[in-house]
């Protein structure tokens, strides 16, 4: 078991939101959106943290592949 945390600031999540949940929350149509009006707790010590707002998809995939290789899982 490996824990991979894809860390993304809520502002970036809002911009990337294809379902429109952040807009609905801002308009008062929904509540309980994690990281906005419902607490979000990032993992304390994941095996890998991917900063999706700073890393490309290719960089993220390479980091994951490197971890899997390092652990003998790839």
PDB file of N, CA and C in Angstrom:
ATOM      1  N   UNK A   1       0.845  -1.183   0.000  1.00  0.00           N
ATOM      2  CA  UNK A   1       0.000   0.000   0.000  1.00  0.00           C
ATOM      3  C   UNK A   1       0.886   1.241   0.000  1.00  0.00           C
ATOM      4  N   UNK A   2       0.640   2.138  -0.914  1.00  0.00           N
ATOM      5  CA  UNK A   2       1.333   3.423  -0.958  1.00  0.00           C
ATOM      6  C   UNK A   2       0.289   4.527  -0.947  1.00  0.00           C
ATOM      7  N   UNK A   3       0.577   5.573  -0.216  1.00  0.00           N
ATOM      8  CA  UNK A   3      -0.330   6.721  -0.196  1.00  0.00           C
ATOM      9  C   UNK A   3       0.271   7.831  -1.050  1.00  0.00           C
ATOM     10  N   UNK A   4      -0.491   8.265  -2.044  1.00  0.00           N
ATOM     11  CA  UNK A   4      -0.076   9.353  -2.925  1.00  0.00           C
ATOM     12  C   UNK A   4      -1.059  10.493  -2.732  1.00  0.00           C
ATOM     13  N   UNK A   5      -0.545  11.640  -2.346  1.00  0.00           N
ATOM     14  CA  UNK A   5      -1.385  12.820  -2.134  1.00  0.00           C
ATOM     15  C   UNK A   5      -1.209  13.762  -3.316  1.00  0.00           C
ATOM     16  N   UNK A   6      -2.291  13.981  -4.029  1.00  0.00           N
ATOM     17  CA  UNK A   6      -2.276  14.949  -5.123  1.00  0.00           C
ATOM     18  C   UNK A   6      -2.722  16.279  -4.520  1.00  0.00           C
ATOM     19  N   UNK A   7      -1.753  17.112  -4.180  1.00  0.00           N
ATOM     20  CA  UNK A   7      -2.009  18.376  -3.483  1.00  0.00           C
ATOM     21  C   UNK A   7      -2.339  19.463  -4.498  1.00  0.00           C
ATOM     22  N   UNK A   8      -3.508  20.061  -4.311  1.00  0.00           N
ATOM     23  CA  UNK A   8      -3.949  21.113  -5.220  1.00  0.00           C
ATOM     24  C   UNK A   8      -4.668  22.183  -4.416  1.00  0.00           C
ATOM     25  N   UNK A   9      -4.230  23.432  -4.476  1.00  0.00           N
ATOM     26  CA  UNK A   9      -4.928  24.496  -3.753  1.00  0.00           C
ATOM     27  C   UNK A   9      -6.385  24.607  -4.215  1.00  0.00           C
ATOM     28  N   UNK A  10      -7.246  24.994  -3.295  1.00  0.00           N
ATOM     29  CA  UNK A  10      -8.673  25.089  -3.602  1.00  0.00           C
ATOM     30  C   UNK A  10      -8.943  26.042  -4.761  1.00  0.00           C
ATOM     31  N   UNK A  11      -8.130  27.070  -4.900  1.00  0.00           N
ATOM     32  CA  UNK A  11      -8.309  28.014  -6.012  1.00  0.00           C
ATOM     33  C   UNK A  11      -8.092  27.326  -7.360  1.00  0.00           C
ATOM     34  N   UNK A  12      -7.125  26.442  -7.405  1.00  0.00           N
ATOM     35  CA  UNK A  12      -6.847  25.697  -8.633  1.00  0.00           C
ATOM     36  C   UNK A  12      -7.954  24.672  -8.879  1.00  0.00           C
ATOM     37  N   UNK A  13      -8.423  24.034  -7.823  1.00  0.00           N
ATOM     38  CA  UNK A  13      -9.542  23.096  -7.961  1.00  0.00           C
ATOM     39  C   UNK A  13     -10.749  23.798  -8.553  1.00  0.00           C
ATOM     40  N   UNK A  14     -11.006  25.006  -8.099  1.00  0.00           N
ATOM     41  CA  UNK A  14     -12.147  25.773  -8.592  1.00  0.00           C
ATOM     42  C   UNK A  14     -12.024  26.059 -10.085  1.00  0.00           C
ATOM     43  N   UNK A  15     -10.835  26.432 -10.524  1.00  0.00           N
ATOM     44  CA  UNK A  15     -10.609  26.725 -11.943  1.00  0.00           C
ATOM     45  C   UNK A  15     -10.753  25.456 -12.789  1.00  0.00           C
ATOM     46  N   UNK A  16     -10.316  24.332 -12.261  1.00  0.00           N
ATOM     47  CA  UNK A  16     -10.342  23.067 -13.007  1.00  0.00           C
ATOM     48  C   UNK A  16     -11.678  22.327 -12.901  1.00  0.00           C
ATOM     49  N   UNK A  17     -12.596  22.825 -12.129  1.00  0.00           N
ATOM     50  CA  UNK A  17     -13.839  22.126 -11.802  1.00  0.00           C
ATOM     51  C   UNK A  17     -14.775  21.991 -12.998  1.00  0.00           C
ATOM     52  N   UNK A  18     -14.783  20.824 -13.624  1.00  0.00           N
ATOM     53  CA  UNK A  18     -15.629  20.605 -14.802  1.00  0.00           C
ATOM     54  C   UNK A  18     -17.092  20.355 -14.435  1.00  0.00           C
ATOM     55  N   UNK A  19     -17.353  20.008 -13.177  1.00  0.00           N
ATOM     56  CA  UNK A  19     -18.732  19.742 -12.749  1.00  0.00           C
ATOM     57  C   UNK A  19     -19.436  20.989 -12.236  1.00  0.00           C
ATOM     58  N   UNK A  20     -18.684  22.068 -12.028  1.00  0.00           N
ATOM     59  CA  UNK A  20     -19.291  23.307 -11.561  1.00  0.00           C
ATOM     60  C   UNK A  20     -19.652  23.324 -10.092  1.00  0.00           C
ATOM     61  N   UNK A  21     -19.066  22.437  -9.307  1.00  0.00           N
ATOM     62  CA  UNK A  21     -19.401  22.360  -7.884  1.00  0.00           C
ATOM     63  C   UNK A  21     -18.967  23.600  -7.113  1.00  0.00           C
ATOM     64  N   UNK A  22     -17.816  24.152  -7.455  1.00  0.00           N
ATOM     65  CA  UNK A  22     -17.337  25.335  -6.739  1.00  0.00           C
ATOM     66  C   UNK A  22     -18.219  26.542  -7.040  1.00  0.00           C
ATOM     67  N   UNK A  23     -18.682  26.668  -8.265  1.00  0.00           N
ATOM     68  CA  UNK A  23     -19.601  27.754  -8.623  1.00  0.00           C
ATOM     69  C   UNK A  23     -20.932  27.573  -7.904  1.00  0.00           C
ATOM     70  N   UNK A  24     -21.408  26.337  -7.819  1.00  0.00           N
ATOM     71  CA  UNK A  24     -22.667  26.067  -7.109  1.00  0.00           C
ATOM     72  C   UNK A  24     -22.527  26.384  -5.628  1.00  0.00           C
ATOM     73  N   UNK A  25     -21.369  26.054  -5.063  1.00  0.00           N
ATOM     74  CA  UNK A  25     -21.144  26.352  -3.649  1.00  0.00           C
ATOM     75  C   UNK A  25     -21.090  27.853  -3.440  1.00  0.00           C
ATOM     76  N   UNK A  26     -20.418  28.570  -4.316  1.00  0.00           N
ATOM     77  CA  UNK A  26     -20.311  30.031  -4.203  1.00  0.00           C
ATOM     78  C   UNK A  26     -21.674  30.694  -4.341  1.00  0.00           C
ATOM     79  N   UNK A  27     -22.562  30.090  -5.126  1.00  0.00           N
ATOM     80  CA  UNK A  27     -23.909  30.641  -5.326  1.00  0.00           C
ATOM     81  C   UNK A  27     -24.876  30.208  -4.229  1.00  0.00           C
ATOM     82  N   UNK A  28     -24.387  29.390  -3.290  1.00  0.00           N
ATOM     83  CA  UNK A  28     -25.238  28.946  -2.198  1.00  0.00           C
ATOM     84  C   UNK A  28     -26.150  27.785  -2.557  1.00  0.00           C
ATOM     85  N   UNK A  29     -25.910  27.151  -3.685  1.00  0.00           N
ATOM     86  CA  UNK A  29     -26.758  26.046  -4.133  1.00  0.00           C
ATOM     87  C   UNK A  29     -26.418  24.726  -3.451  1.00  0.00           C
ATOM     88  N   UNK A  30     -25.160  24.571  -3.042  1.00  0.00           N
ATOM     89  CA  UNK A  30     -24.746  23.364  -2.332  1.00  0.00           C
ATOM     90  C   UNK A  30     -23.861  23.767  -1.162  1.00  0.00           C
ATOM     91  N   UNK A  31     -23.731  22.865  -0.215  1.00  0.00           N
ATOM     92  CA  UNK A  31     -22.815  23.084   0.909  1.00  0.00           C
ATOM     93  C   UNK A  31     -22.084  21.773   1.177  1.00  0.00           C
ATOM     94  N   UNK A  32     -21.103  21.850   2.046  1.00  0.00           N
ATOM     95  CA  UNK A  32     -20.328  20.672   2.383  1.00  0.00           C
ATOM     96  C   UNK A  32     -19.255  20.338   1.365  1.00  0.00           C
ATOM     97  N   UNK A  33     -18.788  21.345   0.647  1.00  0.00           N
ATOM     98  CA  UNK A  33     -17.744  21.120  -0.353  1.00  0.00           C
ATOM     99  C   UNK A  33     -16.391  21.064   0.359  1.00  0.00           C
ATOM    100  N   UNK A  34     -15.737  19.944   0.228  1.00  0.00           N
ATOM    101  CA  UNK A  34     -14.475  19.720   0.920  1.00  0.00           C
ATOM    102  C   UNK A  34     -13.452  20.789   0.563  1.00  0.00           C
ATOM    103  N   UNK A  35     -12.846  21.356   1.585  1.00  0.00           N
ATOM    104  CA  UNK A  35     -11.824  22.383   1.402  1.00  0.00           C
ATOM    105  C   UNK A  35     -12.373  23.786   1.343  1.00  0.00           C
ATOM    106  N   UNK A  36     -13.701  23.917   1.219  1.00  0.00           N
ATOM    107  CA  UNK A  36     -14.317  25.240   1.161  1.00  0.00           C
ATOM    108  C   UNK A  36     -15.115  25.472   2.436  1.00  0.00           C
ATOM    109  N   UNK A  37     -16.208  24.751   2.607  1.00  0.00           N
ATOM    110  CA  UNK A  37     -16.984  24.902   3.836  1.00  0.00           C
ATOM    111  C   UNK A  37     -17.066  23.588   4.614  1.00  0.00           C
ATOM    112  N   UNK A  38     -16.256  22.634   4.223  1.00  0.00           N
ATOM    113  CA  UNK A  38     -16.105  21.373   4.941  1.00  0.00           C
ATOM    114  C   UNK A  38     -14.602  21.157   5.093  1.00  0.00           C
ATOM    115  N   UNK A  39     -14.146  20.808   6.284  1.00  0.00           N
ATOM    116  CA  UNK A  39     -12.701  20.710   6.508  1.00  0.00           C
ATOM    117  C   UNK A  39     -12.025  19.691   5.595  1.00  0.00           C
ATOM    118  N   UNK A  40     -10.810  20.007   5.216  1.00  0.00           N
ATOM    119  CA  UNK A  40      -9.973  19.092   4.449  1.00  0.00           C
ATOM    120  C   UNK A  40      -8.707  18.861   5.249  1.00  0.00           C
ATOM    121  N   UNK A  41      -8.372  17.605   5.446  1.00  0.00           N
ATOM    122  CA  UNK A  41      -7.159  17.262   6.173  1.00  0.00           C
ATOM    123  C   UNK A  41      -6.211  16.528   5.229  1.00  0.00           C
ATOM    124  N   UNK A  42      -5.132  17.183   4.895  1.00  0.00           N
ATOM    125  CA  UNK A  42      -4.123  16.553   4.040  1.00  0.00           C
ATOM    126  C   UNK A  42      -3.434  15.440   4.821  1.00  0.00           C
ATOM    127  N   UNK A  43      -3.013  14.386   4.154  1.00  0.00           N
ATOM    128  CA  UNK A  43      -2.297  13.321   4.845  1.00  0.00           C
ATOM    129  C   UNK A  43      -1.007  13.849   5.467  1.00  0.00           C
ATOM    130  N   UNK A  44      -0.692  13.330   6.640  1.00  0.00           N
ATOM    131  CA  UNK A  44       0.489  13.813   7.366  1.00  0.00           C
ATOM    132  C   UNK A  44       1.797  13.392   6.709  1.00  0.00           C
ATOM    133  N   UNK A  45       1.868  12.156   6.265  1.00  0.00           N
ATOM    134  CA  UNK A  45       3.138  11.692   5.691  1.00  0.00           C
ATOM    135  C   UNK A  45       2.884  10.711   4.540  1.00  0.00           C
ATOM    136  N   UNK A  46       2.408  11.232   3.425  1.00  0.00           N
ATOM    137  CA  UNK A  46       2.195  10.342   2.277  1.00  0.00           C
ATOM    138  C   UNK A  46       3.533   9.853   1.720  1.00  0.00           C
ATOM    139  N   UNK A  47       3.489   8.757   1.031  1.00  0.00           N
ATOM    140  CA  UNK A  47       4.697   8.239   0.392  1.00  0.00           C
ATOM    141  C   UNK A  47       5.159   9.154  -0.733  1.00  0.00           C
ATOM    142  N   UNK A  48       4.202   9.842  -1.344  1.00  0.00           N
ATOM    143  CA  UNK A  48       4.515  10.770  -2.425  1.00  0.00           C
ATOM    144  C   UNK A  48       3.497  11.899  -2.397  1.00  0.00           C
ATOM    145  N   UNK A  49       3.977  13.107  -2.534  1.00  0.00           N
ATOM    146  CA  UNK A  49       3.090  14.270  -2.645  1.00  0.00           C
ATOM    147  C   UNK A  49       3.310  14.876  -4.030  1.00  0.00           C
ATOM    148  N   UNK A  50       2.237  14.914  -4.813  1.00  0.00           N
ATOM    149  CA  UNK A  50       2.291  15.503  -6.145  1.00  0.00           C
ATOM    150  C   UNK A  50       1.648  16.876  -6.063  1.00  0.00           C
ATOM    151  N   UNK A  51       2.417  17.895  -6.379  1.00  0.00           N
ATOM    152  CA  UNK A  51       1.907  19.270  -6.380  1.00  0.00           C
ATOM    153  C   UNK A  51       1.364  19.541  -7.780  1.00  0.00           C
ATOM    154  N   UNK A  52       0.095  19.224  -7.984  1.00  0.00           N
ATOM    155  CA  UNK A  52      -0.454  19.234  -9.343  1.00  0.00           C
ATOM    156  C   UNK A  52      -0.495  20.616  -9.982  1.00  0.00           C
ATOM    157  N   UNK A  53      -0.417  21.649  -9.172  1.00  0.00           N
ATOM    158  CA  UNK A  53      -0.411  23.008  -9.718  1.00  0.00           C
ATOM    159  C   UNK A  53       0.998  23.463 -10.098  1.00  0.00           C
ATOM    160  N   UNK A  54       2.003  22.666  -9.734  1.00  0.00           N
ATOM    161  CA  UNK A  54       3.387  23.020 -10.042  1.00  0.00           C
ATOM    162  C   UNK A  54       4.079  21.990 -10.936  1.00  0.00           C
ATOM    163  N   UNK A  55       3.504  20.798 -11.040  1.00  0.00           N
ATOM    164  CA  UNK A  55       4.112  19.731 -11.819  1.00  0.00           C
ATOM    165  C   UNK A  55       3.245  19.430 -13.039  1.00  0.00           C
ATOM    166  N   UNK A  56       3.891  19.095 -14.132  1.00  0.00           N
ATOM    167  CA  UNK A  56       3.142  18.660 -15.307  1.00  0.00           C
ATOM    168  C   UNK A  56       2.653  17.233 -15.074  1.00  0.00           C
ATOM    169  N   UNK A  57       1.756  16.799 -15.919  1.00  0.00           N
ATOM    170  CA  UNK A  57       1.281  15.418 -15.845  1.00  0.00           C
ATOM    171  C   UNK A  57       2.459  14.465 -16.027  1.00  0.00           C
ATOM    172  N   UNK A  58       3.337  14.785 -16.952  1.00  0.00           N
ATOM    173  CA  UNK A  58       4.500  13.936 -17.212  1.00  0.00           C
ATOM    174  C   UNK A  58       5.420  13.869 -15.992  1.00  0.00           C
ATOM    175  N   UNK A  59       5.653  15.006 -15.346  1.00  0.00           N
ATOM    176  CA  UNK A  59       6.491  15.026 -14.139  1.00  0.00           C
ATOM    177  C   UNK A  59       5.840  14.226 -13.020  1.00  0.00           C
ATOM    178  N   UNK A  60       4.545  14.369 -12.875  1.00  0.00           N
ATOM    179  CA  UNK A  60       3.820  13.637 -11.834  1.00  0.00           C
ATOM    180  C   UNK A  60       3.891  12.136 -12.083  1.00  0.00           C
ATOM    181  N   UNK A  61       3.669  11.733 -13.329  1.00  0.00           N
ATOM    182  CA  UNK A  61       3.736  10.312 -13.681  1.00  0.00           C
ATOM    183  C   UNK A  61       5.140   9.762 -13.454  1.00  0.00           C
ATOM    184  N   UNK A  62       6.146  10.544 -13.793  1.00  0.00           N
ATOM    185  CA  UNK A  62       7.532  10.112 -13.594  1.00  0.00           C
ATOM    186  C   UNK A  62       7.837   9.939 -12.110  1.00  0.00           C
ATOM    187  N   UNK A  63       7.345  10.841 -11.286  1.00  0.00           N
ATOM    188  CA  UNK A  63       7.565  10.740  -9.842  1.00  0.00           C
ATOM    189  C   UNK A  63       6.891   9.486  -9.285  1.00  0.00           C
ATOM    190  N   UNK A  64       5.687   9.213  -9.740  1.00  0.00           N
ATOM    191  CA  UNK A  64       4.977   8.012  -9.291  1.00  0.00           C
ATOM    192  C   UNK A  64       5.692   6.755  -9.774  1.00  0.00           C
ATOM    193  N   UNK A  65       6.121   6.754 -11.011  1.00  0.00           N
ATOM    194  CA  UNK A  65       6.844   5.596 -11.540  1.00  0.00           C
ATOM    195  C   UNK A  65       8.144   5.376 -10.770  1.00  0.00           C
ATOM    196  N   UNK A  66       8.848   6.449 -10.455  1.00  0.00           N
ATOM    197  CA  UNK A  66      10.094   6.336  -9.687  1.00  0.00           C
ATOM    198  C   UNK A  66       9.827   5.732  -8.312  1.00  0.00           C
ATOM    199  N   UNK A  67       8.755   6.152  -7.666  1.00  0.00           N
ATOM    200  CA  UNK A  67       8.413   5.604  -6.348  1.00  0.00           C
ATOM    201  C   UNK A  67       8.091   4.117  -6.462  1.00  0.00           C
ATOM    202  N   UNK A  68       7.282   3.757  -7.445  1.00  0.00           N
ATOM    203  CA  UNK A  68       6.930   2.349  -7.630  1.00  0.00           C
ATOM    204  C   UNK A  68       8.162   1.504  -7.922  1.00  0.00           C
ATOM    205  N   UNK A  69       9.069   2.032  -8.733  1.00  0.00           N
ATOM    206  CA  UNK A  69      10.307   1.321  -9.047  1.00  0.00           C
ATOM    207  C   UNK A  69      11.167   1.170  -7.799  1.00  0.00           C
ATOM    208  N   UNK A  70      11.284   2.251  -7.049  1.00  0.00           N
ATOM    209  CA  UNK A  70      12.076   2.242  -5.809  1.00  0.00           C
ATOM    210  C   UNK A  70      11.563   1.188  -4.831  1.00  0.00           C
ATOM    211  N   UNK A  71      10.258   1.009  -4.787  1.00  0.00           N
ATOM    212  CA  UNK A  71       9.645   0.051  -3.851  1.00  0.00           C
ATOM    213  C   UNK A  71       9.501  -1.350  -4.455  1.00  0.00           C
ATOM    214  N   UNK A  72      10.008  -1.529  -5.667  1.00  0.00           N
ATOM    215  CA  UNK A  72       9.937  -2.838  -6.308  1.00  0.00           C
ATOM    216  C   UNK A  72       8.554  -3.206  -6.801  1.00  0.00           C
ATOM    217  N   UNK A  73       7.760  -2.216  -7.124  1.00  0.00           N
ATOM    218  CA  UNK A  73       6.380  -2.453  -7.553  1.00  0.00           C
ATOM    219  C   UNK A  73       6.160  -2.167  -9.027  1.00  0.00           C
ATOM    220  N   UNK A  74       7.206  -1.788  -9.737  1.00  0.00           N
ATOM    221  CA  UNK A  74       7.052  -1.497 -11.175  1.00  0.00           C
ATOM    222  C   UNK A  74       7.967  -2.383 -11.988  1.00  0.00           C
TER     223      UNK A  74
END
